[in-house]
Amino acid sequence: MDERYLRELLSMVREGRVEIDAALKMLQTMPFVDLEFAKLDSHRPLRNGFPEVVYCEGKRTSQVVAILERLVQGPGPVLATRASPEVAVAVQQAIPGMRYEDLARVLVYEPQPLPKRKGTILVISAGTSDLPVAEEAAITADVMGNPVRRIYDVGVAGLHRLFAYLEALVSASVLIVVAGMEGALPSVVGGLVKRPVIAVPTSVGYGASFGGLAALLGMLNTCASGVTVVNIDNGFGAGYAASLMNQLGQEMAIEDTVKNTDG
């Protein structure tokens, strides 16, 4: 249940098109739906502006299917991360229209995609091995209603590749930079732009990378201002945060326009 749905329901009650008892029955699922093994937060779109996202790892396939079958009954979109191919097959058999992005391991259901707001989110990867995490970030930001551009395989081992896209860097509203190994790329990007940079360390690298810990610590110790860091391999968290930043920027721009018009 989101704000749009609630407004429509209240309008129908006011106009007499829906009886009060029927409206109460529709609202019985607030603030959550109890599936015993899961409590689905149907109130989250009203609080956070986007429905609950399902993390598939660690759940039984039957549980993922049951959760998603319930979520697709709402206004959508529906997003599920870290879905294995086996889970995806089961979900797609149960829910027609569910899309599987295999590289990102993401399931997407959006019968009516959200309208795209202004402001581009730019997703940059240091290497091709970072693409699963980068794609998770890009798809998350896209499903949440943002224009997304991708620039991949432009790490510091060949830094001249990044400078070929300098115009795209400086024109983006929010930048997500995904890197493993020593995790140096976000510092480089942060030194080139005056926009928020979200650094995503990945678990890509040899032994002393410690599964992404070296990249994480390198990013946390960046000397570039305006760089914030999410957890190792957390492309979803980066995409979600970037969407909120972009949304806030658009809301503030609209407020400024209204104030200037009124003045």
Protein backbone atom coordinates (compact mmCIF):
# COMPACT_ATOMS: atom_id res chain seq x y z
CA MET A 1 0.00 0.00 0.00
CA ASP A 2 1.45 3.33 -1.06
CA GLU A 3 0.31 6.94 -0.76
CA ARG A 4 -1.31 6.92 -4.19
CA TYR A 5 -3.39 3.83 -3.36
CA LEU A 6 -4.45 5.25 0.01
CA ARG A 7 -5.51 8.57 -1.52
CA GLU A 8 -7.58 6.78 -4.16
CA LEU A 9 -9.26 4.64 -1.51
CA LEU A 10 -10.12 7.61 0.70
CA SER A 11 -11.49 9.50 -2.30
CA MET A 12 -13.74 6.56 -3.19
CA VAL A 13 -15.04 6.43 0.39
CA ARG A 14 -15.74 10.17 0.35
CA GLU A 15 -17.58 9.88 -2.97
CA GLY A 16 -19.61 6.91 -1.77
CA ARG A 17 -18.14 4.48 -4.29
CA VAL A 18 -16.70 2.28 -1.54
CA GLU A 19 -18.51 1.37 1.69
CA ILE A 20 -16.73 2.10 4.96
CA ASP A 21 -16.73 -1.59 5.95
CA ALA A 22 -15.17 -2.53 2.62
CA ALA A 23 -12.50 0.13 3.07
CA LEU A 24 -11.74 -1.15 6.56
CA LYS A 25 -11.27 -4.63 5.16
CA MET A 26 -8.82 -3.26 2.59
CA LEU A 27 -6.87 -1.56 5.38
CA GLN A 28 -6.66 -4.66 7.54
CA THR A 29 -3.29 -5.51 6.03
CA MET A 30 -1.77 -2.39 7.58
CA PRO A 31 0.82 -2.27 8.91
CA PHE A 32 1.92 -5.83 8.03
CA VAL A 33 0.82 -9.17 6.58
CA ASP A 34 1.54 -12.19 8.77
CA LEU A 35 2.77 -15.25 6.85
CA GLU A 36 4.01 -16.86 10.10
CA PHE A 37 7.57 -17.26 8.80
CA ALA A 38 7.59 -13.63 7.61
CA LYS A 39 5.87 -10.38 8.55
CA LEU A 40 5.52 -8.42 5.32
CA ASP A 41 5.74 -4.67 5.87
CA SER A 42 2.86 -3.43 3.71
CA HIS A 43 3.12 -0.02 5.41
CA ARG A 44 6.67 0.61 4.14
CA PRO A 45 5.74 2.42 0.91
CA LEU A 46 3.90 5.04 3.00
CA ARG A 47 6.88 5.51 5.33
CA ASN A 48 9.81 5.09 2.94
CA GLY A 49 8.34 5.66 -0.50
CA PHE A 50 9.17 2.18 -1.82
CA PRO A 51 7.85 -1.32 -1.06
CA GLU A 52 9.73 -3.86 1.03
CA VAL A 53 12.61 -5.49 -0.86
CA VAL A 54 13.18 -9.24 -0.43
CA TYR A 55 16.63 -10.63 0.32
CA CYS A 56 16.47 -14.20 -1.03
CA GLU A 57 19.67 -15.74 0.35
CA GLY A 58 19.06 -17.90 3.41
CA LYS A 59 15.36 -18.36 2.66
CA ARG A 60 13.75 -21.54 1.38
CA THR A 61 12.56 -21.36 -2.21
CA SER A 62 8.99 -21.93 -1.06
CA GLN A 63 9.30 -19.00 1.34
CA VAL A 64 10.59 -16.67 -1.36
CA VAL A 65 7.74 -17.71 -3.66
CA ALA A 66 5.12 -17.17 -0.96
CA ILE A 67 6.50 -13.75 -0.03
CA LEU A 68 6.66 -12.55 -3.61
CA GLU A 69 3.20 -13.91 -4.44
CA ARG A 70 1.84 -11.69 -1.68
CA LEU A 71 3.91 -8.63 -2.56
CA VAL A 72 2.87 -8.61 -6.23
CA GLN A 73 -0.72 -8.13 -5.08
CA GLY A 74 0.27 -4.60 -4.05
CA PRO A 75 0.85 -1.59 -6.30
CA GLY A 76 4.48 -2.54 -6.96
CA PRO A 77 7.13 -2.51 -8.11
CA VAL A 78 8.57 -5.60 -6.43
CA LEU A 79 12.30 -6.20 -6.09
CA ALA A 80 14.12 -9.27 -4.76
CA THR A 81 17.90 -9.49 -4.47
CA ARG A 82 20.43 -12.34 -4.27
CA ALA A 83 18.16 -14.79 -6.04
CA SER A 84 19.83 -17.94 -7.35
CA PRO A 85 18.86 -19.27 -10.79
CA GLU A 86 16.99 -22.12 -9.11
CA VAL A 87 14.94 -19.70 -7.01
CA ALA A 88 14.30 -17.56 -10.08
CA VAL A 89 12.89 -20.50 -12.03
CA ALA A 90 10.46 -21.34 -9.22
CA VAL A 91 9.38 -17.73 -8.82
CA GLN A 92 8.84 -17.20 -12.55
CA GLN A 93 6.74 -20.37 -12.75
CA ALA A 94 4.53 -19.06 -9.94
CA ILE A 95 4.40 -15.40 -11.01
CA PRO A 96 4.04 -14.56 -14.71
CA GLY A 97 5.72 -11.29 -15.56
CA MET A 98 8.54 -11.65 -13.04
CA ARG A 99 11.84 -10.73 -14.70
CA TYR A 100 15.20 -12.24 -13.71
CA GLU A 101 18.43 -10.31 -14.18
CA ASP A 102 20.91 -13.16 -13.90
CA LEU A 103 24.14 -11.13 -13.69
CA ALA A 104 22.83 -9.10 -10.76
CA ARG A 105 20.83 -12.04 -9.34
CA VAL A 106 17.81 -9.74 -9.05
CA LEU A 107 14.11 -10.47 -9.58
CA VAL A 108 11.96 -7.56 -10.76
CA TYR A 109 8.19 -7.24 -11.09
CA GLU A 110 7.00 -3.92 -12.47
CA PRO A 111 3.78 -4.11 -14.50
CA GLN A 112 3.74 -0.31 -14.37
CA PRO A 113 7.30 1.02 -14.04
CA LEU A 114 7.68 4.12 -11.90
CA PRO A 115 8.00 7.36 -13.87
CA LYS A 116 11.60 8.50 -14.19
CA ARG A 117 12.54 11.57 -12.16
CA LYS A 118 15.15 14.03 -13.38
CA GLY A 119 18.80 13.59 -12.51
CA THR A 120 20.99 10.72 -13.69
CA ILE A 121 22.56 8.14 -11.38
CA LEU A 122 25.90 7.06 -12.82
CA VAL A 123 27.18 3.58 -11.94
CA ILE A 124 30.91 3.03 -12.48
CA SER A 125 32.84 -0.20 -12.05
CA ALA A 126 36.58 -0.61 -11.73
CA GLY A 127 36.65 -4.02 -13.41
CA THR A 128 34.46 -6.50 -15.23
CA SER A 129 34.57 -8.80 -12.20
CA ASP A 130 32.71 -6.10 -10.27
CA LEU A 131 29.72 -6.16 -12.62
CA PRO A 132 27.38 -8.35 -10.51
CA VAL A 133 27.51 -5.79 -7.71
CA ALA A 134 27.41 -2.83 -10.10
CA GLU A 135 24.37 -4.27 -11.88
CA GLU A 136 22.59 -4.85 -8.58
CA ALA A 137 23.07 -1.14 -7.84
CA ALA A 138 22.05 -0.02 -11.32
CA ILE A 139 18.88 -2.14 -11.45
CA THR A 140 17.85 -1.04 -7.96
CA ALA A 141 18.20 2.63 -8.89
CA ASP A 142 16.38 2.07 -12.18
CA VAL A 143 13.42 0.25 -10.63
CA MET A 144 13.12 3.03 -8.03
CA GLY A 145 12.46 5.54 -10.81
CA ASN A 146 15.83 7.01 -11.76
CA PRO A 147 17.58 7.43 -15.11
CA VAL A 148 20.72 5.27 -14.88
CA ARG A 149 23.90 5.30 -16.93
CA ARG A 150 26.65 2.69 -16.71
CA ILE A 151 30.40 3.05 -17.27
CA TYR A 152 32.22 -0.22 -16.67
CA ASP A 153 35.83 -1.42 -16.52
CA VAL A 154 37.57 1.93 -15.98
CA GLY A 155 39.74 1.08 -12.95
CA VAL A 156 42.99 2.71 -11.90
CA ALA A 157 45.17 0.19 -13.75
CA GLY A 158 44.14 2.08 -16.89
CA LEU A 159 42.97 5.42 -15.56
CA HIS A 160 42.93 7.07 -19.00
CA ARG A 161 39.76 5.06 -19.72
CA LEU A 162 37.88 6.97 -17.00
CA PHE A 163 38.86 10.40 -18.34
CA ALA A 164 37.18 9.58 -21.65
CA TYR A 165 33.87 9.87 -19.74
CA LEU A 166 34.61 13.05 -17.78
CA GLU A 167 31.55 14.86 -19.13
CA ALA A 168 29.27 12.06 -17.89
CA LEU A 169 30.93 12.17 -14.47
CA VAL A 170 30.45 15.89 -13.89
CA SER A 171 26.86 15.91 -15.20
CA ALA A 172 25.56 13.06 -13.02
CA SER A 173 23.44 13.82 -9.96
CA VAL A 174 24.76 10.91 -7.89
CA LEU A 175 27.65 8.54 -8.63
CA ILE A 176 28.04 4.94 -7.48
CA VAL A 177 31.59 3.62 -7.78
CA VAL A 178 32.14 -0.13 -7.44
CA ALA A 179 35.64 -1.55 -6.95
CA GLY A 180 37.48 -4.50 -5.47
CA MET A 181 41.22 -5.10 -5.04
CA GLU A 182 42.61 -2.00 -3.25
CA GLY A 183 39.40 0.01 -3.83
CA ALA A 184 41.09 3.16 -5.13
CA LEU A 185 38.63 4.24 -7.85
CA PRO A 186 36.07 6.04 -5.61
CA SER A 187 38.80 8.38 -4.34
CA VAL A 188 39.72 9.29 -7.90
CA VAL A 189 36.10 9.95 -8.86
CA GLY A 190 35.47 11.87 -5.63
CA GLY A 191 38.30 14.21 -6.52
CA LEU A 192 36.75 15.02 -9.91
CA VAL A 193 33.11 15.84 -9.12
CA LYS A 194 30.98 18.01 -6.83
CA ARG A 195 28.23 15.45 -6.40
CA PRO A 196 27.67 12.67 -3.83
CA VAL A 197 29.81 9.60 -4.47
CA ILE A 198 28.75 6.25 -3.01
CA ALA A 199 31.64 3.80 -2.83
CA VAL A 200 30.91 0.06 -2.96
CA PRO A 201 33.75 -2.32 -2.05
CA THR A 202 33.53 -5.76 -3.62
CA SER A 203 34.97 -9.08 -2.55
CA VAL A 204 36.96 -9.29 -5.80
CA GLY A 205 40.70 -9.76 -5.29
CA TYR A 206 43.50 -12.09 -4.26
CA GLY A 207 44.24 -13.39 -0.76
CA ALA A 208 45.31 -10.18 0.99
CA SER A 209 42.12 -8.45 -0.14
CA PHE A 210 40.46 -10.46 2.65
CA GLY A 211 37.17 -10.83 0.80
CA GLY A 212 36.74 -7.10 0.22
CA LEU A 213 37.99 -5.87 3.59
CA ALA A 214 41.04 -4.20 2.01
CA ALA A 215 38.82 -2.28 -0.42
CA LEU A 216 36.42 -1.36 2.38
CA LEU A 217 39.16 0.05 4.59
CA GLY A 218 40.72 1.89 1.66
CA MET A 219 37.41 3.55 0.83
CA LEU A 220 36.68 4.43 4.45
CA ASN A 221 40.08 6.15 4.58
CA THR A 222 39.63 8.12 1.36
CA CYS A 223 41.03 11.64 1.29
CA ALA A 224 38.38 12.72 -1.24
CA SER A 225 35.55 14.71 0.33
CA GLY A 226 31.95 13.72 -0.32
CA VAL A 227 32.54 9.97 -0.55
CA THR A 228 30.35 7.70 1.56
CA VAL A 229 30.80 3.93 1.79
CA VAL A 230 28.37 1.00 1.99
CA ASN A 231 29.08 -2.59 2.99
CA ILE A 232 31.05 -5.10 0.94
CA ASP A 233 29.14 -6.24 -2.18
CA ASN A 234 26.10 -4.16 -1.17
CA GLY A 235 25.06 -2.91 -4.58
CA PHE A 236 21.44 -2.80 -3.48
CA GLY A 237 22.20 -0.48 -0.58
CA ALA A 238 24.13 1.84 -2.86
CA GLY A 239 21.36 1.95 -5.45
CA TYR A 240 18.72 2.61 -2.82
CA ALA A 241 20.72 5.39 -1.14
CA ALA A 242 21.51 6.99 -4.50
CA SER A 243 17.81 7.00 -5.36
CA LEU A 244 16.94 8.76 -2.10
CA MET A 245 19.66 11.36 -2.73
CA ASN A 246 18.40 11.98 -6.25
CA GLN A 247 14.81 12.19 -5.05
CA LEU A 248 15.74 14.69 -2.34
CA GLY A 249 17.57 16.85 -4.86
CA GLN A 250 14.52 16.92 -7.12
CA GLU A 251 12.17 17.75 -4.25
CA MET A 252 14.38 20.64 -3.14
CA ALA A 253 14.57 21.96 -6.71
CA ILE A 254 10.77 21.90 -6.95
CA GLU A 255 10.43 23.71 -3.61
CA ASP A 256 12.86 26.39 -4.76
CA THR A 257 10.91 26.83 -8.01
CA VAL A 258 7.64 27.22 -6.10
CA LYS A 259 9.17 29.76 -3.71
CA ASN A 260 10.61 31.79 -6.56
CA THR A 261 7.26 31.72 -8.38
CA ASP A 262 5.36 32.82 -5.26
CA GLY A 263 7.91 35.56 -4.58
